[in-house]
Amino acid sequence: QVQLVESGGGLVQPGGSLRLSCEASGRIVSMYDMGWYRQAPGKQRELAATFTSDGDIYYSDSVKGRFTISRDIPKKMIYLQMNNLKPEDTAVYYCNLPQNGGNFWGQGTQVTVSS
């Protein structure tokens, strides 16, 4: 079993920054293609940023240049540094780990960008 626990969300003003963290535990085969998704109210869950299995990083167009994904594999942590936040970034952010043909998800952390 795999457990993912996100933290770091909160309320921030437009233009502000937040750093999300995701701690992985349990039977983890590989962290090489972990990523961050988000789901805004009334919308489908979408990919924000992810490591790829071939060693690259992918960012959605909506976050490119503002968000940075990073990881600390020995600590089993991934992070999402979010700068210049916009109201449209308001969403629940989820950590994702693809493994054994399926997907593991955390419980999510709420990010609200509002003045």
PDB file of N, CA and C in Angstrom:
ATOM      1  N   GLN A   1       0.843  -1.192   0.000  1.00  0.00           N
ATOM      2  CA  GLN A   1       0.000   0.000   0.000  1.00  0.00           C
ATOM      3  C   GLN A   1       0.880   1.243   0.000  1.00  0.00           C
ATOM      4  N   VAL A   2       0.399   2.262  -0.698  1.00  0.00           N
ATOM      5  CA  VAL A   2       1.111   3.529  -0.805  1.00  0.00           C
ATOM      6  C   VAL A   2       0.267   4.620  -0.161  1.00  0.00           C
ATOM      7  N   GLN A   3       0.916   5.477   0.588  1.00  0.00           N
ATOM      8  CA  GLN A   3       0.239   6.637   1.160  1.00  0.00           C
ATOM      9  C   GLN A   3       0.933   7.906   0.676  1.00  0.00           C
ATOM     10  N   LEU A   4       0.131   8.881   0.298  1.00  0.00           N
ATOM     11  CA  LEU A   4       0.625  10.186  -0.119  1.00  0.00           C
ATOM     12  C   LEU A   4      -0.067  11.245   0.733  1.00  0.00           C
ATOM     13  N   VAL A   5       0.717  12.127   1.317  1.00  0.00           N
ATOM     14  CA  VAL A   5       0.151  13.159   2.178  1.00  0.00           C
ATOM     15  C   VAL A   5       0.655  14.518   1.715  1.00  0.00           C
ATOM     16  N   GLU A   6      -0.283  15.355   1.272  1.00  0.00           N
ATOM     17  CA  GLU A   6       0.063  16.706   0.819  1.00  0.00           C
ATOM     18  C   GLU A   6      -0.065  17.698   1.972  1.00  0.00           C
ATOM     19  N   SER A   7       0.690  18.758   1.876  1.00  0.00           N
ATOM     20  CA  SER A   7       0.599  19.854   2.835  1.00  0.00           C
ATOM     21  C   SER A   7       1.083  21.132   2.178  1.00  0.00           C
ATOM     22  N   GLY A   8       0.811  22.256   2.840  1.00  0.00           N
ATOM     23  CA  GLY A   8       1.331  23.528   2.364  1.00  0.00           C
ATOM     24  C   GLY A   8       0.324  24.442   1.710  1.00  0.00           C
ATOM     25  N   GLY A   9      -0.908  23.972   1.538  1.00  0.00           N
ATOM     26  CA  GLY A   9      -1.910  24.832   0.929  1.00  0.00           C
ATOM     27  C   GLY A   9      -2.349  25.939   1.875  1.00  0.00           C
ATOM     28  N   GLY A  10      -3.175  26.836   1.349  1.00  0.00           N
ATOM     29  CA  GLY A  10      -3.660  27.929   2.172  1.00  0.00           C
ATOM     30  C   GLY A  10      -4.255  29.031   1.341  1.00  0.00           C
ATOM     31  N   LEU A  11      -4.501  30.154   1.995  1.00  0.00           N
ATOM     32  CA  LEU A  11      -5.050  31.337   1.341  1.00  0.00           C
ATOM     33  C   LEU A  11      -3.913  32.310   1.067  1.00  0.00           C
ATOM     34  N   VAL A  12      -3.836  32.778  -0.161  1.00  0.00           N
ATOM     35  CA  VAL A  12      -2.767  33.697  -0.541  1.00  0.00           C
ATOM     36  C   VAL A  12      -3.335  34.749  -1.480  1.00  0.00           C
ATOM     37  N   GLN A  13      -2.770  35.932  -1.450  1.00  0.00           N
ATOM     38  CA  GLN A  13      -3.212  36.997  -2.339  1.00  0.00           C
ATOM     39  C   GLN A  13      -2.642  36.798  -3.740  1.00  0.00           C
ATOM     40  N   PRO A  14      -3.302  37.337  -4.738  1.00  0.00           N
ATOM     41  CA  PRO A  14      -2.742  37.280  -6.097  1.00  0.00           C
ATOM     42  C   PRO A  14      -1.324  37.845  -6.127  1.00  0.00           C
ATOM     43  N   GLY A  15      -0.466  37.142  -6.843  1.00  0.00           N
ATOM     44  CA  GLY A  15       0.935  37.524  -6.888  1.00  0.00           C
ATOM     45  C   GLY A  15       1.792  36.868  -5.827  1.00  0.00           C
ATOM     46  N   GLY A  16       1.152  36.220  -4.878  1.00  0.00           N
ATOM     47  CA  GLY A  16       1.881  35.578  -3.799  1.00  0.00           C
ATOM     48  C   GLY A  16       2.429  34.213  -4.183  1.00  0.00           C
ATOM     49  N   SER A  17       3.044  33.566  -3.200  1.00  0.00           N
ATOM     50  CA  SER A  17       3.686  32.270  -3.414  1.00  0.00           C
ATOM     51  C   SER A  17       3.286  31.275  -2.339  1.00  0.00           C
ATOM     52  N   LEU A  18       3.313  30.014  -2.720  1.00  0.00           N
ATOM     53  CA  LEU A  18       3.128  28.907  -1.786  1.00  0.00           C
ATOM     54  C   LEU A  18       4.024  27.767  -2.224  1.00  0.00           C
ATOM     55  N   ARG A  19       4.409  26.941  -1.265  1.00  0.00           N
ATOM     56  CA  ARG A  19       5.169  25.736  -1.567  1.00  0.00           C
ATOM     57  C   ARG A  19       4.414  24.536  -1.023  1.00  0.00           C
ATOM     58  N   LEU A  20       4.015  23.669  -1.936  1.00  0.00           N
ATOM     59  CA  LEU A  20       3.326  22.444  -1.545  1.00  0.00           C
ATOM     60  C   LEU A  20       4.332  21.318  -1.366  1.00  0.00           C
ATOM     61  N   SER A  21       4.025  20.434  -0.429  1.00  0.00           N
ATOM     62  CA  SER A  21       4.859  19.263  -0.189  1.00  0.00           C
ATOM     63  C   SER A  21       3.997  18.013  -0.259  1.00  0.00           C
ATOM     64  N   CYS A  22       4.614  16.914  -0.687  1.00  0.00           N
ATOM     65  CA  CYS A  22       3.946  15.619  -0.699  1.00  0.00           C
ATOM     66  C   CYS A  22       4.920  14.582  -0.171  1.00  0.00           C
ATOM     67  N   GLU A  23       4.515  13.919   0.896  1.00  0.00           N
ATOM     68  CA  GLU A  23       5.327  12.863   1.481  1.00  0.00           C
ATOM     69  C   GLU A  23       4.755  11.517   1.089  1.00  0.00           C
ATOM     70  N   ALA A  24       5.604  10.678   0.526  1.00  0.00           N
ATOM     71  CA  ALA A  24       5.191   9.343   0.110  1.00  0.00           C
ATOM     72  C   ALA A  24       5.697   8.312   1.105  1.00  0.00           C
ATOM     73  N   SER A  25       4.896   7.291   1.344  1.00  0.00           N
ATOM     74  CA  SER A  25       5.312   6.198   2.214  1.00  0.00           C
ATOM     75  C   SER A  25       4.653   4.919   1.735  1.00  0.00           C
ATOM     76  N   GLY A  26       5.148   3.814   2.275  1.00  0.00           N
ATOM     77  CA  GLY A  26       4.584   2.522   1.903  1.00  0.00           C
ATOM     78  C   GLY A  26       5.414   1.832   0.840  1.00  0.00           C
ATOM     79  N   ARG A  27       4.770   0.970   0.075  1.00  0.00           N
ATOM     80  CA  ARG A  27       5.456   0.140  -0.913  1.00  0.00           C
ATOM     81  C   ARG A  27       5.617   0.900  -2.227  1.00  0.00           C
ATOM     82  N   ILE A  28       6.640   1.739  -2.268  1.00  0.00           N
ATOM     83  CA  ILE A  28       6.889   2.567  -3.432  1.00  0.00           C
ATOM     84  C   ILE A  28       7.918   1.898  -4.323  1.00  0.00           C
ATOM     85  N   VAL A  29       7.547   1.676  -5.570  1.00  0.00           N
ATOM     86  CA  VAL A  29       8.463   1.063  -6.523  1.00  0.00           C
ATOM     87  C   VAL A  29       9.406   2.122  -7.104  1.00  0.00           C
ATOM     88  N   SER A  30       8.837   3.242  -7.491  1.00  0.00           N
ATOM     89  CA  SER A  30       9.636   4.308  -8.096  1.00  0.00           C
ATOM     90  C   SER A  30       8.923   5.633  -7.923  1.00  0.00           C
ATOM     91  N   MET A  31       9.696   6.688  -7.712  1.00  0.00           N
ATOM     92  CA  MET A  31       9.141   8.040  -7.614  1.00  0.00           C
ATOM     93  C   MET A  31       9.419   8.846  -8.869  1.00  0.00           C
ATOM     94  N   TYR A  32       9.919   8.196  -9.912  1.00  0.00           N
ATOM     95  CA  TYR A  32      10.436   8.945 -11.047  1.00  0.00           C
ATOM     96  C   TYR A  32       9.378   9.633 -11.877  1.00  0.00           C
ATOM     97  N   ASP A  33       8.125   9.229 -11.796  1.00  0.00           N
ATOM     98  CA  ASP A  33       7.102   9.915 -12.586  1.00  0.00           C
ATOM     99  C   ASP A  33       5.957  10.418 -11.715  1.00  0.00           C
ATOM    100  N   MET A  34       6.309  10.868 -10.546  1.00  0.00           N
ATOM    101  CA  MET A  34       5.304  11.494  -9.680  1.00  0.00           C
ATOM    102  C   MET A  34       4.997  12.897 -10.161  1.00  0.00           C
ATOM    103  N   GLY A  35       3.822  13.369  -9.796  1.00  0.00           N
ATOM    104  CA  GLY A  35       3.448  14.698 -10.250  1.00  0.00           C
ATOM    105  C   GLY A  35       2.372  15.327  -9.401  1.00  0.00           C
ATOM    106  N   TRP A  36       1.986  16.524  -9.807  1.00  0.00           N
ATOM    107  CA  TRP A  36       0.945  17.293  -9.143  1.00  0.00           C
ATOM    108  C   TRP A  36      -0.216  17.540 -10.114  1.00  0.00           C
ATOM    109  N   TYR A  37      -1.416  17.282  -9.629  1.00  0.00           N
ATOM    110  CA  TYR A  37      -2.637  17.593 -10.353  1.00  0.00           C
ATOM    111  C   TYR A  37      -3.419  18.599  -9.521  1.00  0.00           C
ATOM    112  N   ARG A  38      -4.408  19.201 -10.157  1.00  0.00           N
ATOM    113  CA  ARG A  38      -5.274  20.113  -9.419  1.00  0.00           C
ATOM    114  C   ARG A  38      -6.699  20.027  -9.945  1.00  0.00           C
ATOM    115  N   GLN A  39      -7.637  20.347  -9.078  1.00  0.00           N
ATOM    116  CA  GLN A  39      -9.047  20.310  -9.453  1.00  0.00           C
ATOM    117  C   GLN A  39      -9.736  21.542  -8.896  1.00  0.00           C
ATOM    118  N   ALA A  40     -10.170  22.392  -9.808  1.00  0.00           N
ATOM    119  CA  ALA A  40     -10.900  23.589  -9.427  1.00  0.00           C
ATOM    120  C   ALA A  40     -12.381  23.256  -9.268  1.00  0.00           C
ATOM    121  N   PRO A  41     -13.120  24.062  -8.526  1.00  0.00           N
ATOM    122  CA  PRO A  41     -14.554  23.791  -8.326  1.00  0.00           C
ATOM    123  C   PRO A  41     -15.287  23.683  -9.656  1.00  0.00           C
ATOM    124  N   GLY A  42     -16.031  22.605  -9.821  1.00  0.00           N
ATOM    125  CA  GLY A  42     -16.824  22.419 -11.025  1.00  0.00           C
ATOM    126  C   GLY A  42     -16.047  22.002 -12.249  1.00  0.00           C
ATOM    127  N   LYS A  43     -14.758  21.721 -12.079  1.00  0.00           N
ATOM    128  CA  LYS A  43     -13.934  21.340 -13.230  1.00  0.00           C
ATOM    129  C   LYS A  43     -13.300  19.976 -13.011  1.00  0.00           C
ATOM    130  N   GLN A  44     -12.821  19.394 -14.102  1.00  0.00           N
ATOM    131  CA  GLN A  44     -12.140  18.113 -14.006  1.00  0.00           C
ATOM    132  C   GLN A  44     -10.733  18.293 -13.450  1.00  0.00           C
ATOM    133  N   ARG A  45     -10.227  17.228 -12.860  1.00  0.00           N
ATOM    134  CA  ARG A  45      -8.855  17.241 -12.385  1.00  0.00           C
ATOM    135  C   ARG A  45      -7.918  17.358 -13.582  1.00  0.00           C
ATOM    136  N   GLU A  46      -6.897  18.206 -13.439  1.00  0.00           N
ATOM    137  CA  GLU A  46      -5.960  18.418 -14.537  1.00  0.00           C
ATOM    138  C   GLU A  46      -4.525  18.337 -14.041  1.00  0.00           C
ATOM    139  N   LEU A  47      -3.647  17.969 -14.956  1.00  0.00           N
ATOM    140  CA  LEU A  47      -2.239  17.883 -14.635  1.00  0.00           C
ATOM    141  C   LEU A  47      -1.647  19.284 -14.564  1.00  0.00           C
ATOM    142  N   ALA A  48      -0.889  19.542 -13.501  1.00  0.00           N
ATOM    143  CA  ALA A  48      -0.187  20.818 -13.375  1.00  0.00           C
ATOM    144  C   ALA A  48       1.290  20.654 -13.729  1.00  0.00           C
ATOM    145  N   ALA A  49       1.939  19.679 -13.104  1.00  0.00           N
ATOM    146  CA  ALA A  49       3.365  19.474 -13.338  1.00  0.00           C
ATOM    147  C   ALA A  49       3.716  18.047 -12.961  1.00  0.00           C
ATOM    148  N   THR A  50       4.663  17.463 -13.693  1.00  0.00           N
ATOM    149  CA  THR A  50       5.049  16.107 -13.380  1.00  0.00           C
ATOM    150  C   THR A  50       6.450  15.805 -13.864  1.00  0.00           C
ATOM    151  N   PHE A  51       7.110  14.901 -13.160  1.00  0.00           N
ATOM    152  CA  PHE A  51       8.314  14.285 -13.677  1.00  0.00           C
ATOM    153  C   PHE A  51       7.874  13.194 -14.644  1.00  0.00           C
ATOM    154  N   THR A  52       8.670  12.981 -15.683  1.00  0.00           N
ATOM    155  CA  THR A  52       8.350  11.920 -16.633  1.00  0.00           C
ATOM    156  C   THR A  52       9.328  10.766 -16.455  1.00  0.00           C
ATOM    157  N   SER A  53       8.920   9.614 -16.940  1.00  0.00           N
ATOM    158  CA  SER A  53       9.723   8.413 -16.731  1.00  0.00           C
ATOM    159  C   SER A  53      11.055   8.464 -17.474  1.00  0.00           C
ATOM    160  N   ASP A  54      11.163   9.363 -18.469  1.00  0.00           N
ATOM    161  CA  ASP A  54      12.433   9.481 -19.183  1.00  0.00           C
ATOM    162  C   ASP A  54      13.299  10.610 -18.633  1.00  0.00           C
ATOM    163  N   GLY A  55      12.930  11.124 -17.458  1.00  0.00           N
ATOM    164  CA  GLY A  55      13.782  12.081 -16.781  1.00  0.00           C
ATOM    165  C   GLY A  55      13.484  13.548 -17.051  1.00  0.00           C
ATOM    166  N   ASP A  56      12.450  13.824 -17.822  1.00  0.00           N
ATOM    167  CA  ASP A  56      12.087  15.209 -18.097  1.00  0.00           C
ATOM    168  C   ASP A  56      11.041  15.714 -17.098  1.00  0.00           C
ATOM    169  N   ILE A  57      10.709  16.974 -17.243  1.00  0.00           N
ATOM    170  CA  ILE A  57       9.653  17.584 -16.451  1.00  0.00           C
ATOM    171  C   ILE A  57       8.648  18.208 -17.412  1.00  0.00           C
ATOM    172  N   TYR A  58       7.384  17.999 -17.113  1.00  0.00           N
ATOM    173  CA  TYR A  58       6.316  18.582 -17.925  1.00  0.00           C
ATOM    174  C   TYR A  58       5.522  19.558 -17.074  1.00  0.00           C
ATOM    175  N   TYR A  59       5.240  20.719 -17.647  1.00  0.00           N
ATOM    176  CA  TYR A  59       4.355  21.705 -17.011  1.00  0.00           C
ATOM    177  C   TYR A  59       3.202  22.007 -17.960  1.00  0.00           C
ATOM    178  N   SER A  60       2.022  22.149 -17.401  1.00  0.00           N
ATOM    179  CA  SER A  60       0.921  22.596 -18.240  1.00  0.00           C
ATOM    180  C   SER A  60       1.167  24.037 -18.638  1.00  0.00           C
ATOM    181  N   ASP A  61       0.577  24.445 -19.747  1.00  0.00           N
ATOM    182  CA  ASP A  61       0.775  25.812 -20.217  1.00  0.00           C
ATOM    183  C   ASP A  61       0.320  26.839 -19.193  1.00  0.00           C
ATOM    184  N   SER A  62      -0.691  26.498 -18.413  1.00  0.00           N
ATOM    185  CA  SER A  62      -1.249  27.456 -17.466  1.00  0.00           C
ATOM    186  C   SER A  62      -0.327  27.743 -16.283  1.00  0.00           C
ATOM    187  N   VAL A  63       0.645  26.870 -16.018  1.00  0.00           N
ATOM    188  CA  VAL A  63       1.532  27.088 -14.872  1.00  0.00           C
ATOM    189  C   VAL A  63       2.986  27.282 -15.275  1.00  0.00           C
ATOM    190  N   LYS A  64       3.293  27.046 -16.532  1.00  0.00           N
ATOM    191  CA  LYS A  64       4.668  27.125 -17.007  1.00  0.00           C
ATOM    192  C   LYS A  64       5.248  28.511 -16.736  1.00  0.00           C
ATOM    193  N   GLY A  65       6.448  28.527 -16.185  1.00  0.00           N
ATOM    194  CA  GLY A  65       7.111  29.788 -15.874  1.00  0.00           C
ATOM    195  C   GLY A  65       6.786  30.329 -14.500  1.00  0.00           C
ATOM    196  N   ARG A  66       5.789  29.756 -13.844  1.00  0.00           N
ATOM    197  CA  ARG A  66       5.408  30.212 -12.502  1.00  0.00           C
ATOM    198  C   ARG A  66       5.572  29.117 -11.447  1.00  0.00           C
ATOM    199  N   PHE A  67       5.389  27.886 -11.837  1.00  0.00           N
ATOM    200  CA  PHE A  67       5.476  26.762 -10.908  1.00  0.00           C
ATOM    201  C   PHE A  67       6.755  25.972 -11.178  1.00  0.00           C
ATOM    202  N   THR A  68       7.308  25.400 -10.112  1.00  0.00           N
ATOM    203  CA  THR A  68       8.487  24.546 -10.236  1.00  0.00           C
ATOM    204  C   THR A  68       8.287  23.292  -9.399  1.00  0.00           C
ATOM    205  N   ILE A  69       8.417  22.148 -10.039  1.00  0.00           N
ATOM    206  CA  ILE A  69       8.326  20.871  -9.337  1.00  0.00           C
ATOM    207  C   ILE A  69       9.729  20.406  -9.002  1.00  0.00           C
ATOM    208  N   SER A  70       9.871  19.833  -7.814  1.00  0.00           N
ATOM    209  CA  SER A  70      11.167  19.306  -7.401  1.00  0.00           C
ATOM    210  C   SER A  70      10.926  18.077  -6.528  1.00  0.00           C
ATOM    211  N   ARG A  71      12.004  17.385  -6.205  1.00  0.00           N
ATOM    212  CA  ARG A  71      11.843  16.182  -5.397  1.00  0.00           C
ATOM    213  C   ARG A  71      13.097  15.903  -4.599  1.00  0.00           C
ATOM    214  N   ASP A  72      12.907  15.156  -3.547  1.00  0.00           N
ATOM    215  CA  ASP A  72      13.998  14.647  -2.722  1.00  0.00           C
ATOM    216  C   ASP A  72      13.712  13.154  -2.559  1.00  0.00           C
ATOM    217  N   ILE A  73      14.303  12.354  -3.415  1.00  0.00           N
ATOM    218  CA  ILE A  73      13.974  10.929  -3.440  1.00  0.00           C
ATOM    219  C   ILE A  73      14.353  10.222  -2.141  1.00  0.00           C
ATOM    220  N   PRO A  74      15.537  10.463  -1.568  1.00  0.00           N
ATOM    221  CA  PRO A  74      15.844   9.794  -0.290  1.00  0.00           C
ATOM    222  C   PRO A  74      14.821  10.097   0.796  1.00  0.00           C
ATOM    223  N   LYS A  75      14.257  11.300   0.789  1.00  0.00           N
ATOM    224  CA  LYS A  75      13.238  11.659   1.785  1.00  0.00           C
ATOM    225  C   LYS A  75      11.835  11.275   1.333  1.00  0.00           C
ATOM    226  N   LYS A  76      11.704  10.778   0.102  1.00  0.00           N
ATOM    227  CA  LYS A  76      10.406  10.406  -0.467  1.00  0.00           C
ATOM    228  C   LYS A  76       9.447  11.599  -0.468  1.00  0.00           C
ATOM    229  N   MET A  77       9.964  12.721  -0.927  1.00  0.00           N
ATOM    230  CA  MET A  77       9.179  13.952  -0.961  1.00  0.00           C
ATOM    231  C   MET A  77       9.200  14.535  -2.364  1.00  0.00           C
ATOM    232  N   ILE A  78       8.074  15.118  -2.775  1.00  0.00           N
ATOM    233  CA  ILE A  78       8.075  15.996  -3.939  1.00  0.00           C
ATOM    234  C   ILE A  78       7.449  17.313  -3.519  1.00  0.00           C
ATOM    235  N   TYR A  79       7.786  18.357  -4.267  1.00  0.00           N
ATOM    236  CA  TYR A  79       7.377  19.703  -3.912  1.00  0.00           C
ATOM    237  C   TYR A  79       6.831  20.420  -5.144  1.00  0.00           C
ATOM    238  N   LEU A  80       6.036  21.444  -4.882  1.00  0.00           N
ATOM    239  CA  LEU A  80       5.580  22.312  -5.953  1.00  0.00           C
ATOM    240  C   LEU A  80       5.687  23.743  -5.457  1.00  0.00           C
ATOM    241  N   GLN A  81       6.678  24.455  -5.974  1.00  0.00           N
ATOM    242  CA  GLN A  81       6.832  25.870  -5.662  1.00  0.00           C
ATOM    243  C   GLN A  81       5.958  26.654  -6.626  1.00  0.00           C
ATOM    244  N   MET A  82       5.043  27.426  -6.089  1.00  0.00           N
ATOM    245  CA  MET A  82       4.096  28.172  -6.907  1.00  0.00           C
ATOM    246  C   MET A  82       4.305  29.660  -6.671  1.00  0.00           C
ATOM    247  N   ASN A  83       4.698  30.374  -7.705  1.00  0.00           N
ATOM    248  CA  ASN A  83       4.940  31.815  -7.631  1.00  0.00           C
ATOM    249  C   ASN A  83       3.952  32.562  -8.510  1.00  0.00           C
ATOM    250  N   ASN A  84       3.831  33.847  -8.227  1.00  0.00           N
ATOM    251  CA  ASN A  84       2.940  34.698  -9.020  1.00  0.00           C
ATOM    252  C   ASN A  84       1.557  34.054  -9.172  1.00  0.00           C
ATOM    253  N   LEU A  85       1.009  33.642  -8.061  1.00  0.00           N
ATOM    254  CA  LEU A  85      -0.267  32.938  -8.086  1.00  0.00           C
ATOM    255  C   LEU A  85      -1.393  33.834  -8.566  1.00  0.00           C
ATOM    256  N   LYS A  86      -2.327  33.219  -9.265  1.00  0.00           N
ATOM    257  CA  LYS A  86      -3.467  33.920  -9.838  1.00  0.00           C
ATOM    258  C   LYS A  86      -4.757  33.329  -9.279  1.00  0.00           C
ATOM    259  N   PRO A  87      -5.845  34.079  -9.290  1.00  0.00           N
ATOM    260  CA  PRO A  87      -7.113  33.523  -8.798  1.00  0.00           C
ATOM    261  C   PRO A  87      -7.495  32.220  -9.505  1.00  0.00           C
ATOM    262  N   GLU A  88      -7.137  32.079 -10.762  1.00  0.00           N
ATOM    263  CA  GLU A  88      -7.483  30.862 -11.489  1.00  0.00           C
ATOM    264  C   GLU A  88      -6.654  29.654 -11.064  1.00  0.00           C
ATOM    265  N   ASP A  89      -5.675  29.860 -10.206  1.00  0.00           N
ATOM    266  CA  ASP A  89      -4.923  28.743  -9.634  1.00  0.00           C
ATOM    267  C   ASP A  89      -5.650  28.131  -8.437  1.00  0.00           C
ATOM    268  N   THR A  90      -6.727  28.746  -8.012  1.00  0.00           N
ATOM    269  CA  THR A  90      -7.507  28.221  -6.895  1.00  0.00           C
ATOM    270  C   THR A  90      -8.019  26.827  -7.220  1.00  0.00           C
ATOM    271  N   ALA A  91      -7.665  25.870  -6.373  1.00  0.00           N
ATOM    272  CA  ALA A  91      -8.016  24.470  -6.617  1.00  0.00           C
ATOM    273  C   ALA A  91      -7.553  23.626  -5.440  1.00  0.00           C
ATOM    274  N   VAL A  92      -7.997  22.385  -5.443  1.00  0.00           N
ATOM    275  CA  VAL A  92      -7.400  21.388  -4.565  1.00  0.00           C
ATOM    276  C   VAL A  92      -6.261  20.742  -5.339  1.00  0.00           C
ATOM    277  N   TYR A  93      -5.093  20.714  -4.734  1.00  0.00           N
ATOM    278  CA  TYR A  93      -3.900  20.175  -5.380  1.00  0.00           C
ATOM    279  C   TYR A  93      -3.619  18.780  -4.833  1.00  0.00           C
ATOM    280  N   TYR A  94      -3.406  17.845  -5.757  1.00  0.00           N
ATOM    281  CA  TYR A  94      -3.204  16.442  -5.412  1.00  0.00           C
ATOM    282  C   TYR A  94      -1.848  15.951  -5.893  1.00  0.00           C
ATOM    283  N   CYS A  95      -1.230  15.178  -5.068  1.00  0.00           N
ATOM    284  CA  CYS A  95      -0.008  14.472  -5.415  1.00  0.00           C
ATOM    285  C   CYS A  95      -0.406  13.141  -6.052  1.00  0.00           C
ATOM    286  N   ASN A  96       0.310  12.744  -7.089  1.00  0.00           N
ATOM    287  CA  ASN A  96      -0.018  11.520  -7.819  1.00  0.00           C
ATOM    288  C   ASN A  96       1.207  10.639  -7.998  1.00  0.00           C
ATOM    289  N   LEU A  97       1.003   9.342  -7.804  1.00  0.00           N
ATOM    290  CA  LEU A  97       2.056   8.365  -8.047  1.00  0.00           C
ATOM    291  C   LEU A  97       1.489   7.242  -8.901  1.00  0.00           C
ATOM    292  N   PRO A  98       1.910   7.166 -10.182  1.00  0.00           N
ATOM    293  CA  PRO A  98       1.500   6.018 -10.991  1.00  0.00           C
ATOM    294  C   PRO A  98       2.326   4.794 -10.577  1.00  0.00           C
ATOM    295  N   GLN A  99       1.655   3.665 -10.397  1.00  0.00           N
ATOM    296  CA  GLN A  99       2.386   2.468  -9.991  1.00  0.00           C
ATOM    297  C   GLN A  99       1.554   1.243 -10.282  1.00  0.00           C
ATOM    298  N   ASN A 100       2.224   0.228 -10.835  1.00  0.00           N
ATOM    299  CA  ASN A 100       1.577  -1.062 -11.068  1.00  0.00           C
ATOM    300  C   ASN A 100       0.283  -0.939 -11.870  1.00  0.00           C
ATOM    301  N   GLY A 101       0.305  -0.067 -12.864  1.00  0.00           N
ATOM    302  CA  GLY A 101      -0.856   0.090 -13.730  1.00  0.00           C
ATOM    303  C   GLY A 101      -1.968   0.935 -13.162  1.00  0.00           C
ATOM    304  N   GLY A 102      -1.783   1.440 -11.955  1.00  0.00           N
ATOM    305  CA  GLY A 102      -2.817   2.275 -11.361  1.00  0.00           C
ATOM    306  C   GLY A 102      -2.259   3.607 -10.925  1.00  0.00           C
ATOM    307  N   ASN A 103      -3.068   4.347 -10.178  1.00  0.00           N
ATOM    308  CA  ASN A 103      -2.655   5.652  -9.683  1.00  0.00           C
ATOM    309  C   ASN A 103      -2.979   5.770  -8.209  1.00  0.00           C
ATOM    310  N   PHE A 104      -2.017   6.256  -7.450  1.00  0.00           N
ATOM    311  CA  PHE A 104      -2.252   6.577  -6.048  1.00  0.00           C
ATOM    312  C   PHE A 104      -2.374   8.084  -5.903  1.00  0.00           C
ATOM    313  N   TRP A 105      -3.281   8.490  -5.040  1.00  0.00           N
ATOM    314  CA  TRP A 105      -3.546   9.911  -4.823  1.00  0.00           C
ATOM    315  C   TRP A 105      -3.497  10.229  -3.337  1.00  0.00           C
ATOM    316  N   GLY A 106      -3.094  11.454  -3.045  1.00  0.00           N
ATOM    317  CA  GLY A 106      -3.222  11.940  -1.689  1.00  0.00           C
ATOM    318  C   GLY A 106      -4.618  12.486  -1.463  1.00  0.00           C
ATOM    319  N   GLN A 107      -4.838  13.061  -0.282  1.00  0.00           N
ATOM    320  CA  GLN A 107      -6.146  13.586   0.062  1.00  0.00           C
ATOM    321  C   GLN A 107      -6.352  14.993  -0.492  1.00  0.00           C
ATOM    322  N   GLY A 108      -5.275  15.611  -0.924  1.00  0.00           N
ATOM    323  CA  GLY A 108      -5.346  16.936  -1.509  1.00  0.00           C
ATOM    324  C   GLY A 108      -5.123  18.039  -0.488  1.00  0.00           C
ATOM    325  N   THR A 109      -4.678  19.180  -0.985  1.00  0.00           N
ATOM    326  CA  THR A 109      -4.506  20.363  -0.150  1.00  0.00           C
ATOM    327  C   THR A 109      -5.098  21.556  -0.895  1.00  0.00           C
ATOM    328  N   GLN A 110      -5.894  22.343  -0.189  1.00  0.00           N
ATOM    329  CA  GLN A 110      -6.615  23.449  -0.813  1.00  0.00           C
ATOM    330  C   GLN A 110      -5.705  24.668  -0.979  1.00  0.00           C
ATOM    331  N   VAL A 111      -5.708  25.208  -2.171  1.00  0.00           N
ATOM    332  CA  VAL A 111      -5.025  26.472  -2.455  1.00  0.00           C
ATOM    333  C   VAL A 111      -6.080  27.472  -2.913  1.00  0.00           C
ATOM    334  N   THR A 112      -6.151  28.582  -2.220  1.00  0.00           N
ATOM    335  CA  THR A 112      -7.104  29.631  -2.569  1.00  0.00           C
ATOM    336  C   THR A 112      -6.345  30.926  -2.803  1.00  0.00           C
ATOM    337  N   VAL A 113      -6.531  31.483  -3.980  1.00  0.00           N
ATOM    338  CA  VAL A 113      -5.863  32.731  -4.343  1.00  0.00           C
ATOM    339  C   VAL A 113      -6.934  33.811  -4.458  1.00  0.00           C
ATOM    340  N   SER A 114      -6.900  34.725  -3.513  1.00  0.00           N
ATOM    341  CA  SER A 114      -7.953  35.743  -3.455  1.00  0.00           C
ATOM    342  C   SER A 114      -7.460  36.952  -2.685  1.00  0.00           C
ATOM    343  N   SER A 115      -7.941  38.111  -3.087  1.00  0.00           N
ATOM    344  CA  SER A 115      -7.621  39.329  -2.351  1.00  0.00           C
ATOM    345  C   SER A 115      -8.718  39.636  -1.333  1.00  0.00           C
TER     346      SER A 115
END
